[in-house]
Amino acid sequence: MLQSGIDPGQSGEGTRPGTEDIYSSLIERLDLAVAVTNIEGEFVSLNHAFADLLGFTVNEARRYLPSDIVHPDCRHDLERETQQLIDGTVDTVTTYRKLVRRDGTVLHARVHKTIARRGPATVIMTVFDDFTDVVWEYPQIADRGLS
């Protein structure tokens, strides 16, 4: 089960007990691939859809860093965008990214990232949409940095 260590409903007073469990259950059941990292770039949590998308089990996927699954052509952009989120320059990022699956094949993904700060915890949640078929069907999308 996804466990983020952060309660998205937490706003100080009035937080309902069990909110984190409900939130984790919702994310786990999503067909969308979701991963949460800390600001050091380590996976804090991820769901089965994320692991499946990349051809891993959940336990295997947790052994990697996000930079390990991002194609080398896209790592500079990953670092820049992550720093912008941490610095507060932006609150969300939507972009296209090449990822590398366990078997070495390239996955084209649309990536949506946002940052949350709650007390001492800061995490970045990323949602991945597999865009590989779209890229093959509409090659001009690859010109946006996916090729």
Protein backbone atom coordinates (compact mmCIF):
# COMPACT_ATOMS: atom_id res chain seq x y z
CA MET A 1 0.00 0.00 0.00
CA LEU A 2 1.14 3.52 -0.74
CA GLN A 3 2.28 5.35 2.35
CA SER A 4 3.48 8.87 1.90
CA GLY A 5 4.14 9.91 5.47
CA ILE A 6 2.19 13.07 4.73
CA ASP A 7 -1.52 13.68 5.21
CA PRO A 8 -2.85 15.80 2.33
CA GLY A 9 -5.83 16.75 4.47
CA GLN A 10 -3.56 17.96 7.24
CA SER A 11 -3.97 21.65 7.78
CA GLY A 12 -3.33 21.91 11.45
CA GLU A 13 -6.54 21.88 13.44
CA GLY A 14 -9.48 19.81 12.34
CA THR A 15 -7.53 17.00 10.68
CA ARG A 16 -9.63 13.89 10.65
CA PRO A 17 -8.12 10.68 11.98
CA GLY A 18 -7.49 8.15 9.24
CA THR A 19 -7.32 10.68 6.41
CA GLU A 20 -3.88 9.45 5.41
CA ASP A 21 -5.13 5.85 5.23
CA ILE A 22 -8.03 6.89 3.01
CA TYR A 23 -5.73 8.98 0.80
CA SER A 24 -3.24 6.13 0.48
CA SER A 25 -6.00 3.69 -0.42
CA LEU A 26 -7.31 6.01 -3.15
CA ILE A 27 -3.87 6.47 -4.72
CA GLU A 28 -3.13 2.76 -4.56
CA ARG A 29 -6.31 1.92 -6.46
CA LEU A 30 -5.72 4.45 -9.23
CA ASP A 31 -4.89 3.14 -12.67
CA LEU A 32 -2.61 6.18 -13.02
CA ALA A 33 1.03 5.72 -12.15
CA VAL A 34 1.88 7.79 -9.06
CA ALA A 35 5.19 8.26 -7.27
CA VAL A 36 6.06 10.48 -4.32
CA THR A 37 9.63 11.58 -3.66
CA ASN A 38 11.31 13.60 -0.97
CA ILE A 39 13.39 16.65 -1.85
CA GLU A 40 16.53 14.50 -1.77
CA GLY A 41 15.14 12.65 -4.78
CA GLU A 42 14.32 9.36 -3.07
CA PHE A 43 11.04 7.53 -3.53
CA VAL A 44 8.91 7.91 -0.43
CA SER A 45 6.04 5.95 -1.91
CA LEU A 46 4.71 4.66 -5.21
CA ASN A 47 1.73 2.68 -6.36
CA HIS A 48 1.41 -0.56 -8.31
CA ALA A 49 0.48 1.27 -11.51
CA PHE A 50 3.82 3.10 -11.38
CA ALA A 51 5.79 -0.11 -10.85
CA ASP A 52 3.81 -1.91 -13.56
CA LEU A 53 4.35 0.93 -16.04
CA LEU A 54 8.10 0.47 -15.69
CA GLY A 55 8.04 -3.33 -15.51
CA PHE A 56 9.02 -3.60 -11.83
CA THR A 57 7.42 -4.92 -8.70
CA VAL A 58 6.76 -2.23 -6.10
CA ASN A 59 9.67 -3.46 -3.97
CA GLU A 60 12.04 -3.42 -6.95
CA ALA A 61 10.97 0.08 -8.00
CA ARG A 62 11.66 1.43 -4.50
CA ARG A 63 15.34 0.55 -4.88
CA TYR A 64 15.81 3.17 -7.60
CA LEU A 65 16.02 6.94 -7.68
CA PRO A 66 13.90 8.94 -10.11
CA SER A 67 17.07 9.82 -12.01
CA ASP A 68 17.63 6.08 -12.55
CA ILE A 69 14.38 5.70 -14.49
CA VAL A 70 14.57 8.95 -16.45
CA HIS A 71 16.27 8.68 -19.83
CA PRO A 72 19.74 10.32 -19.82
CA ASP A 73 18.52 12.87 -22.41
CA CYS A 74 15.96 14.15 -19.88
CA ARG A 75 17.93 14.17 -16.62
CA HIS A 76 18.98 17.82 -16.86
CA ASP A 77 15.33 18.87 -17.26
CA LEU A 78 14.35 16.66 -14.31
CA GLU A 79 16.94 18.35 -12.09
CA ARG A 80 15.93 21.84 -13.22
CA GLU A 81 12.20 21.27 -12.72
CA THR A 82 12.71 19.64 -9.33
CA GLN A 83 14.80 22.59 -8.19
CA GLN A 84 12.14 25.02 -9.40
CA LEU A 85 9.54 23.16 -7.32
CA ILE A 86 11.77 23.15 -4.25
CA ASP A 87 12.69 26.83 -4.64
CA GLY A 88 9.04 27.78 -5.00
CA THR A 89 9.53 29.20 -8.49
CA VAL A 90 6.66 26.98 -9.61
CA ASP A 91 4.06 24.90 -7.75
CA THR A 92 3.35 22.44 -10.55
CA VAL A 93 5.06 21.16 -13.68
CA THR A 94 3.49 19.38 -16.63
CA THR A 95 5.92 18.13 -19.25
CA TYR A 96 6.87 15.21 -21.45
CA ARG A 97 9.62 12.85 -20.41
CA LYS A 98 11.35 9.74 -21.68
CA LEU A 99 11.62 7.00 -19.07
CA VAL A 100 13.51 3.72 -19.24
CA ARG A 101 11.67 0.54 -18.40
CA ARG A 102 13.25 -2.38 -16.63
CA ASP A 103 13.81 -4.17 -19.95
CA GLY A 104 15.61 -1.11 -21.36
CA THR A 105 12.84 0.04 -23.68
CA VAL A 106 11.94 3.71 -23.73
CA LEU A 107 8.58 4.89 -22.49
CA HIS A 108 7.29 8.32 -23.50
CA ALA A 109 5.27 9.86 -20.69
CA ARG A 110 3.36 13.00 -19.93
CA VAL A 111 4.42 13.94 -16.40
CA HIS A 112 2.49 16.05 -13.89
CA LYS A 113 4.40 17.11 -10.77
CA THR A 114 3.41 19.12 -7.72
CA ILE A 115 5.01 19.86 -4.39
CA ALA A 116 3.44 19.75 -0.92
CA ARG A 117 4.89 21.15 2.26
CA ARG A 118 3.40 20.09 5.60
CA GLY A 119 5.35 20.89 8.72
CA PRO A 120 8.84 19.45 8.37
CA ALA A 121 7.85 17.19 5.44
CA THR A 122 8.19 18.25 1.82
CA VAL A 123 7.28 15.83 -0.94
CA ILE A 124 6.85 15.93 -4.69
CA MET A 125 4.03 13.89 -6.19
CA THR A 126 4.36 12.85 -9.81
CA VAL A 127 1.63 11.33 -11.97
CA PHE A 128 2.67 9.61 -15.20
CA ASP A 129 0.55 9.10 -18.33
CA ASP A 130 1.95 6.64 -20.88
CA PHE A 131 2.19 8.66 -24.08
CA THR A 132 4.21 6.14 -26.11
CA ASP A 133 1.38 5.24 -28.50
CA VAL A 134 0.57 8.92 -29.06
CA VAL A 135 4.20 9.68 -29.90
CA TRP A 136 4.27 6.86 -32.44
CA GLU A 137 0.99 8.04 -33.96
CA TYR A 138 1.90 11.74 -33.96
CA PRO A 139 5.67 11.98 -34.42
CA GLN A 140 5.63 15.79 -34.21
CA ILE A 141 5.06 15.40 -30.46
CA ALA A 142 8.52 13.86 -30.28
CA ASP A 143 9.87 17.20 -31.46
CA ARG A 144 8.87 18.65 -28.09
CA GLY A 145 11.80 16.97 -26.42
CA LEU A 146 10.76 13.34 -26.39
CA SER A 147 13.00 12.12 -29.17
